[in-house]
Amino acid sequence: MTTKLTDLQRVLLSSAAMRPDGNLLPLPASIAGETARVMKTVSSLLKRGLVEQVDVTDPAQICNEGGERRVGVRITAAGHNAIGTAAEQTDTPFHASNGPDPSPERPTKAAQVLTLLRRTEGATLAELVEATGWLPHTTRAALTGLRKKGHTLDKSKRGETTCYRIVAGA
């Protein structure tokens, strides 16, 4: 069964899926000025179980404060399924005092993408999809996210196939 999502829900879940900790906040620059609309959408995602509330320490990730508790929101496995990505780091428990429990033995998908893009030959879309298990449109969204974070991506051809590479120094 396909989960129907609005464009805003898809943007929020996709940006959270690209983060190692799975947090929805801080908001992507493209929707940063729409706080009231975003908060209504987050409430809807919470009700549907696509995101969950977690304790956070980073002020940029705070969605709600109550007393000494600082609450953020992160994507759940159901949220990942809704956008066609697989849950990674977000399965680790959070603690208000120190954030997620460390799990250094398992690199994130975002880290895998960066590693592939930093190779001299770069990576094709098919290679990125195979490495991450993401759908092609999600992988392209991840590339856009990297550009928005300041990485400079170079496109070239490997035969008839487009290849992406992070420009050195970026």
Protein backbone atom coordinates (compact mmCIF):
# COMPACT_ATOMS: atom_id res chain seq x y z
CA MET A 1 0.00 0.00 0.00
CA THR A 2 1.38 3.39 -0.99
CA THR A 3 1.37 6.16 1.59
CA LYS A 4 -0.03 9.38 0.17
CA LEU A 5 2.05 12.40 1.11
CA THR A 6 1.78 16.10 0.40
CA ASP A 7 4.76 17.86 -1.16
CA LEU A 8 5.61 19.44 2.18
CA GLN A 9 5.44 16.09 3.99
CA ARG A 10 7.73 14.56 1.37
CA VAL A 11 10.24 17.45 1.68
CA LEU A 12 10.32 17.13 5.48
CA LEU A 13 10.72 13.35 5.44
CA SER A 14 13.31 13.39 2.63
CA SER A 15 15.47 15.99 4.36
CA ALA A 16 15.24 14.02 7.63
CA ALA A 17 16.17 10.79 5.84
CA MET A 18 19.38 12.39 4.58
CA ARG A 19 20.51 13.32 8.10
CA PRO A 20 22.45 10.75 10.15
CA ASP A 21 20.24 11.40 13.20
CA GLY A 22 16.99 11.56 11.21
CA ASN A 23 15.87 14.89 12.69
CA LEU A 24 13.37 17.05 10.79
CA LEU A 25 14.92 20.22 12.20
CA PRO A 26 16.52 22.51 11.28
CA LEU A 27 14.18 23.06 8.34
CA PRO A 28 15.50 23.05 4.78
CA ALA A 29 16.07 26.59 3.50
CA SER A 30 13.32 26.18 0.90
CA ILE A 31 10.62 26.03 3.61
CA ALA A 32 12.26 27.84 6.54
CA GLY A 33 9.82 30.78 6.37
CA GLU A 34 6.70 28.59 6.61
CA THR A 35 6.87 27.72 10.32
CA ALA A 36 3.11 27.64 11.04
CA ARG A 37 2.38 25.45 8.00
CA VAL A 38 5.32 23.19 8.82
CA MET A 39 4.23 22.71 12.44
CA LYS A 40 0.73 21.69 11.28
CA THR A 41 2.32 19.23 8.87
CA VAL A 42 4.62 17.84 11.61
CA SER A 43 1.54 17.29 13.79
CA SER A 44 -0.05 15.30 10.95
CA LEU A 45 3.13 13.23 10.49
CA LEU A 46 3.19 12.49 14.24
CA LYS A 47 -0.42 11.26 14.18
CA ARG A 48 0.38 8.97 11.25
CA GLY A 49 3.49 7.56 12.98
CA LEU A 50 5.82 8.76 10.22
CA VAL A 51 7.82 10.83 12.73
CA GLU A 52 8.30 10.61 16.49
CA GLN A 53 9.24 12.96 19.28
CA VAL A 54 12.70 12.57 20.80
CA ASP A 55 14.76 14.40 23.40
CA VAL A 56 17.41 16.63 21.79
CA THR A 57 20.24 18.82 23.02
CA ASP A 58 20.97 20.83 19.85
CA PRO A 59 18.98 24.12 20.00
CA ALA A 60 18.48 24.02 16.20
CA GLN A 61 16.57 20.73 16.55
CA ILE A 62 14.11 21.84 19.24
CA CYS A 63 10.51 21.64 18.12
CA ASN A 64 8.93 22.12 21.55
CA GLU A 65 10.16 22.88 25.06
CA GLY A 66 8.43 21.87 28.27
CA GLY A 67 10.22 22.69 31.50
CA GLU A 68 13.70 21.22 31.20
CA ARG A 69 12.70 18.87 28.38
CA ARG A 70 13.69 19.85 24.84
CA VAL A 71 11.78 17.88 22.25
CA GLY A 72 12.71 17.34 18.62
CA VAL A 73 11.15 15.24 15.87
CA ARG A 74 12.81 12.49 13.83
CA ILE A 75 11.72 10.20 11.04
CA THR A 76 10.54 6.68 11.93
CA ALA A 77 10.91 3.43 10.00
CA ALA A 78 7.34 4.00 8.72
CA GLY A 79 8.43 7.45 7.52
CA HIS A 80 11.37 5.92 5.67
CA ASN A 81 9.04 3.35 4.09
CA ALA A 82 6.66 6.11 3.01
CA ILE A 83 9.39 7.80 0.94
CA GLY A 84 11.16 4.63 -0.18
CA THR A 85 14.30 4.83 1.96
CA ALA A 86 15.54 2.39 4.56
CA ALA A 87 16.00 3.40 8.21
CA GLU A 88 19.60 3.83 9.29
CA GLN A 89 20.83 5.70 12.36
CA THR A 90 17.33 6.70 13.47
CA ASP A 91 16.80 3.33 15.14
CA THR A 92 19.24 4.21 17.92
CA PRO A 93 17.75 5.34 21.23
CA PHE A 94 18.04 9.00 22.18
CA HIS A 95 18.80 10.33 25.63
CA ALA A 96 18.29 13.93 26.71
CA SER A 97 21.77 14.09 28.19
CA ASN A 98 23.93 12.96 25.32
CA GLY A 99 21.98 12.40 22.10
CA PRO A 100 22.03 9.10 20.21
CA ASP A 101 24.02 6.14 21.46
CA PRO A 102 27.14 5.84 19.31
CA SER A 103 27.23 3.12 16.64
CA PRO A 104 30.46 3.73 14.72
CA GLU A 105 30.49 0.31 13.07
CA ARG A 106 27.63 1.18 10.67
CA PRO A 107 28.19 4.11 8.28
CA THR A 108 25.15 6.10 7.22
CA LYS A 109 23.85 6.07 3.68
CA ALA A 110 24.71 9.76 3.38
CA ALA A 111 28.32 8.89 4.26
CA GLN A 112 28.30 6.12 1.64
CA VAL A 113 27.07 8.60 -0.99
CA LEU A 114 29.81 11.08 -0.08
CA THR A 115 32.46 8.34 -0.27
CA LEU A 116 31.30 7.29 -3.74
CA LEU A 117 31.10 10.88 -4.99
CA ARG A 118 34.62 11.66 -3.73
CA ARG A 119 36.17 8.89 -5.83
CA THR A 120 38.21 10.07 -8.82
CA GLU A 121 35.72 8.46 -11.19
CA GLY A 122 32.72 9.62 -9.15
CA ALA A 123 29.52 7.55 -9.23
CA THR A 124 26.61 6.98 -11.56
CA LEU A 125 23.01 7.24 -10.39
CA ALA A 126 22.74 3.45 -10.68
CA GLU A 127 25.79 2.98 -8.42
CA LEU A 128 24.36 5.36 -5.82
CA VAL A 129 20.97 3.62 -5.93
CA GLU A 130 22.63 0.21 -5.52
CA ALA A 131 24.80 1.37 -2.61
CA THR A 132 21.97 3.03 -0.67
CA GLY A 133 18.91 1.03 -1.65
CA TRP A 134 17.12 4.33 -2.31
CA LEU A 135 14.84 4.89 -5.28
CA PRO A 136 16.31 7.01 -8.10
CA HIS A 137 14.18 10.08 -7.25
CA THR A 138 15.29 9.89 -3.61
CA THR A 139 18.92 9.59 -4.70
CA ARG A 140 18.57 12.65 -6.94
CA ALA A 141 17.00 14.52 -3.98
CA ALA A 142 20.05 13.56 -1.90
CA LEU A 143 22.32 15.04 -4.59
CA THR A 144 20.27 18.24 -4.49
CA GLY A 145 20.60 18.24 -0.70
CA LEU A 146 24.38 17.99 -1.01
CA ARG A 147 24.40 20.98 -3.39
CA LYS A 148 22.31 22.97 -0.90
CA LYS A 149 24.83 22.08 1.83
CA GLY A 150 27.57 23.68 -0.26
CA HIS A 151 29.09 20.72 -2.08
CA THR A 152 29.99 21.37 -5.71
CA LEU A 153 28.99 18.46 -7.91
CA ASP A 154 30.51 17.90 -11.32
CA LYS A 155 28.55 15.99 -13.99
CA SER A 156 30.40 14.13 -16.69
CA LYS A 157 29.81 11.15 -18.95
CA ARG A 158 31.15 7.64 -18.51
CA GLY A 159 30.27 6.25 -21.91
CA GLU A 160 26.58 7.11 -22.29
CA THR A 161 25.95 7.28 -18.53
CA THR A 162 25.99 10.47 -16.45
CA CYS A 163 28.49 10.39 -13.62
CA TYR A 164 28.49 12.65 -10.56
CA ARG A 165 31.58 13.67 -8.60
CA ILE A 166 32.27 16.08 -5.75
CA VAL A 167 34.80 18.64 -6.90
CA ALA A 168 37.99 18.51 -4.78
CA GLY A 169 38.04 21.07 -2.02
CA ALA A 170 34.25 21.16 -1.79
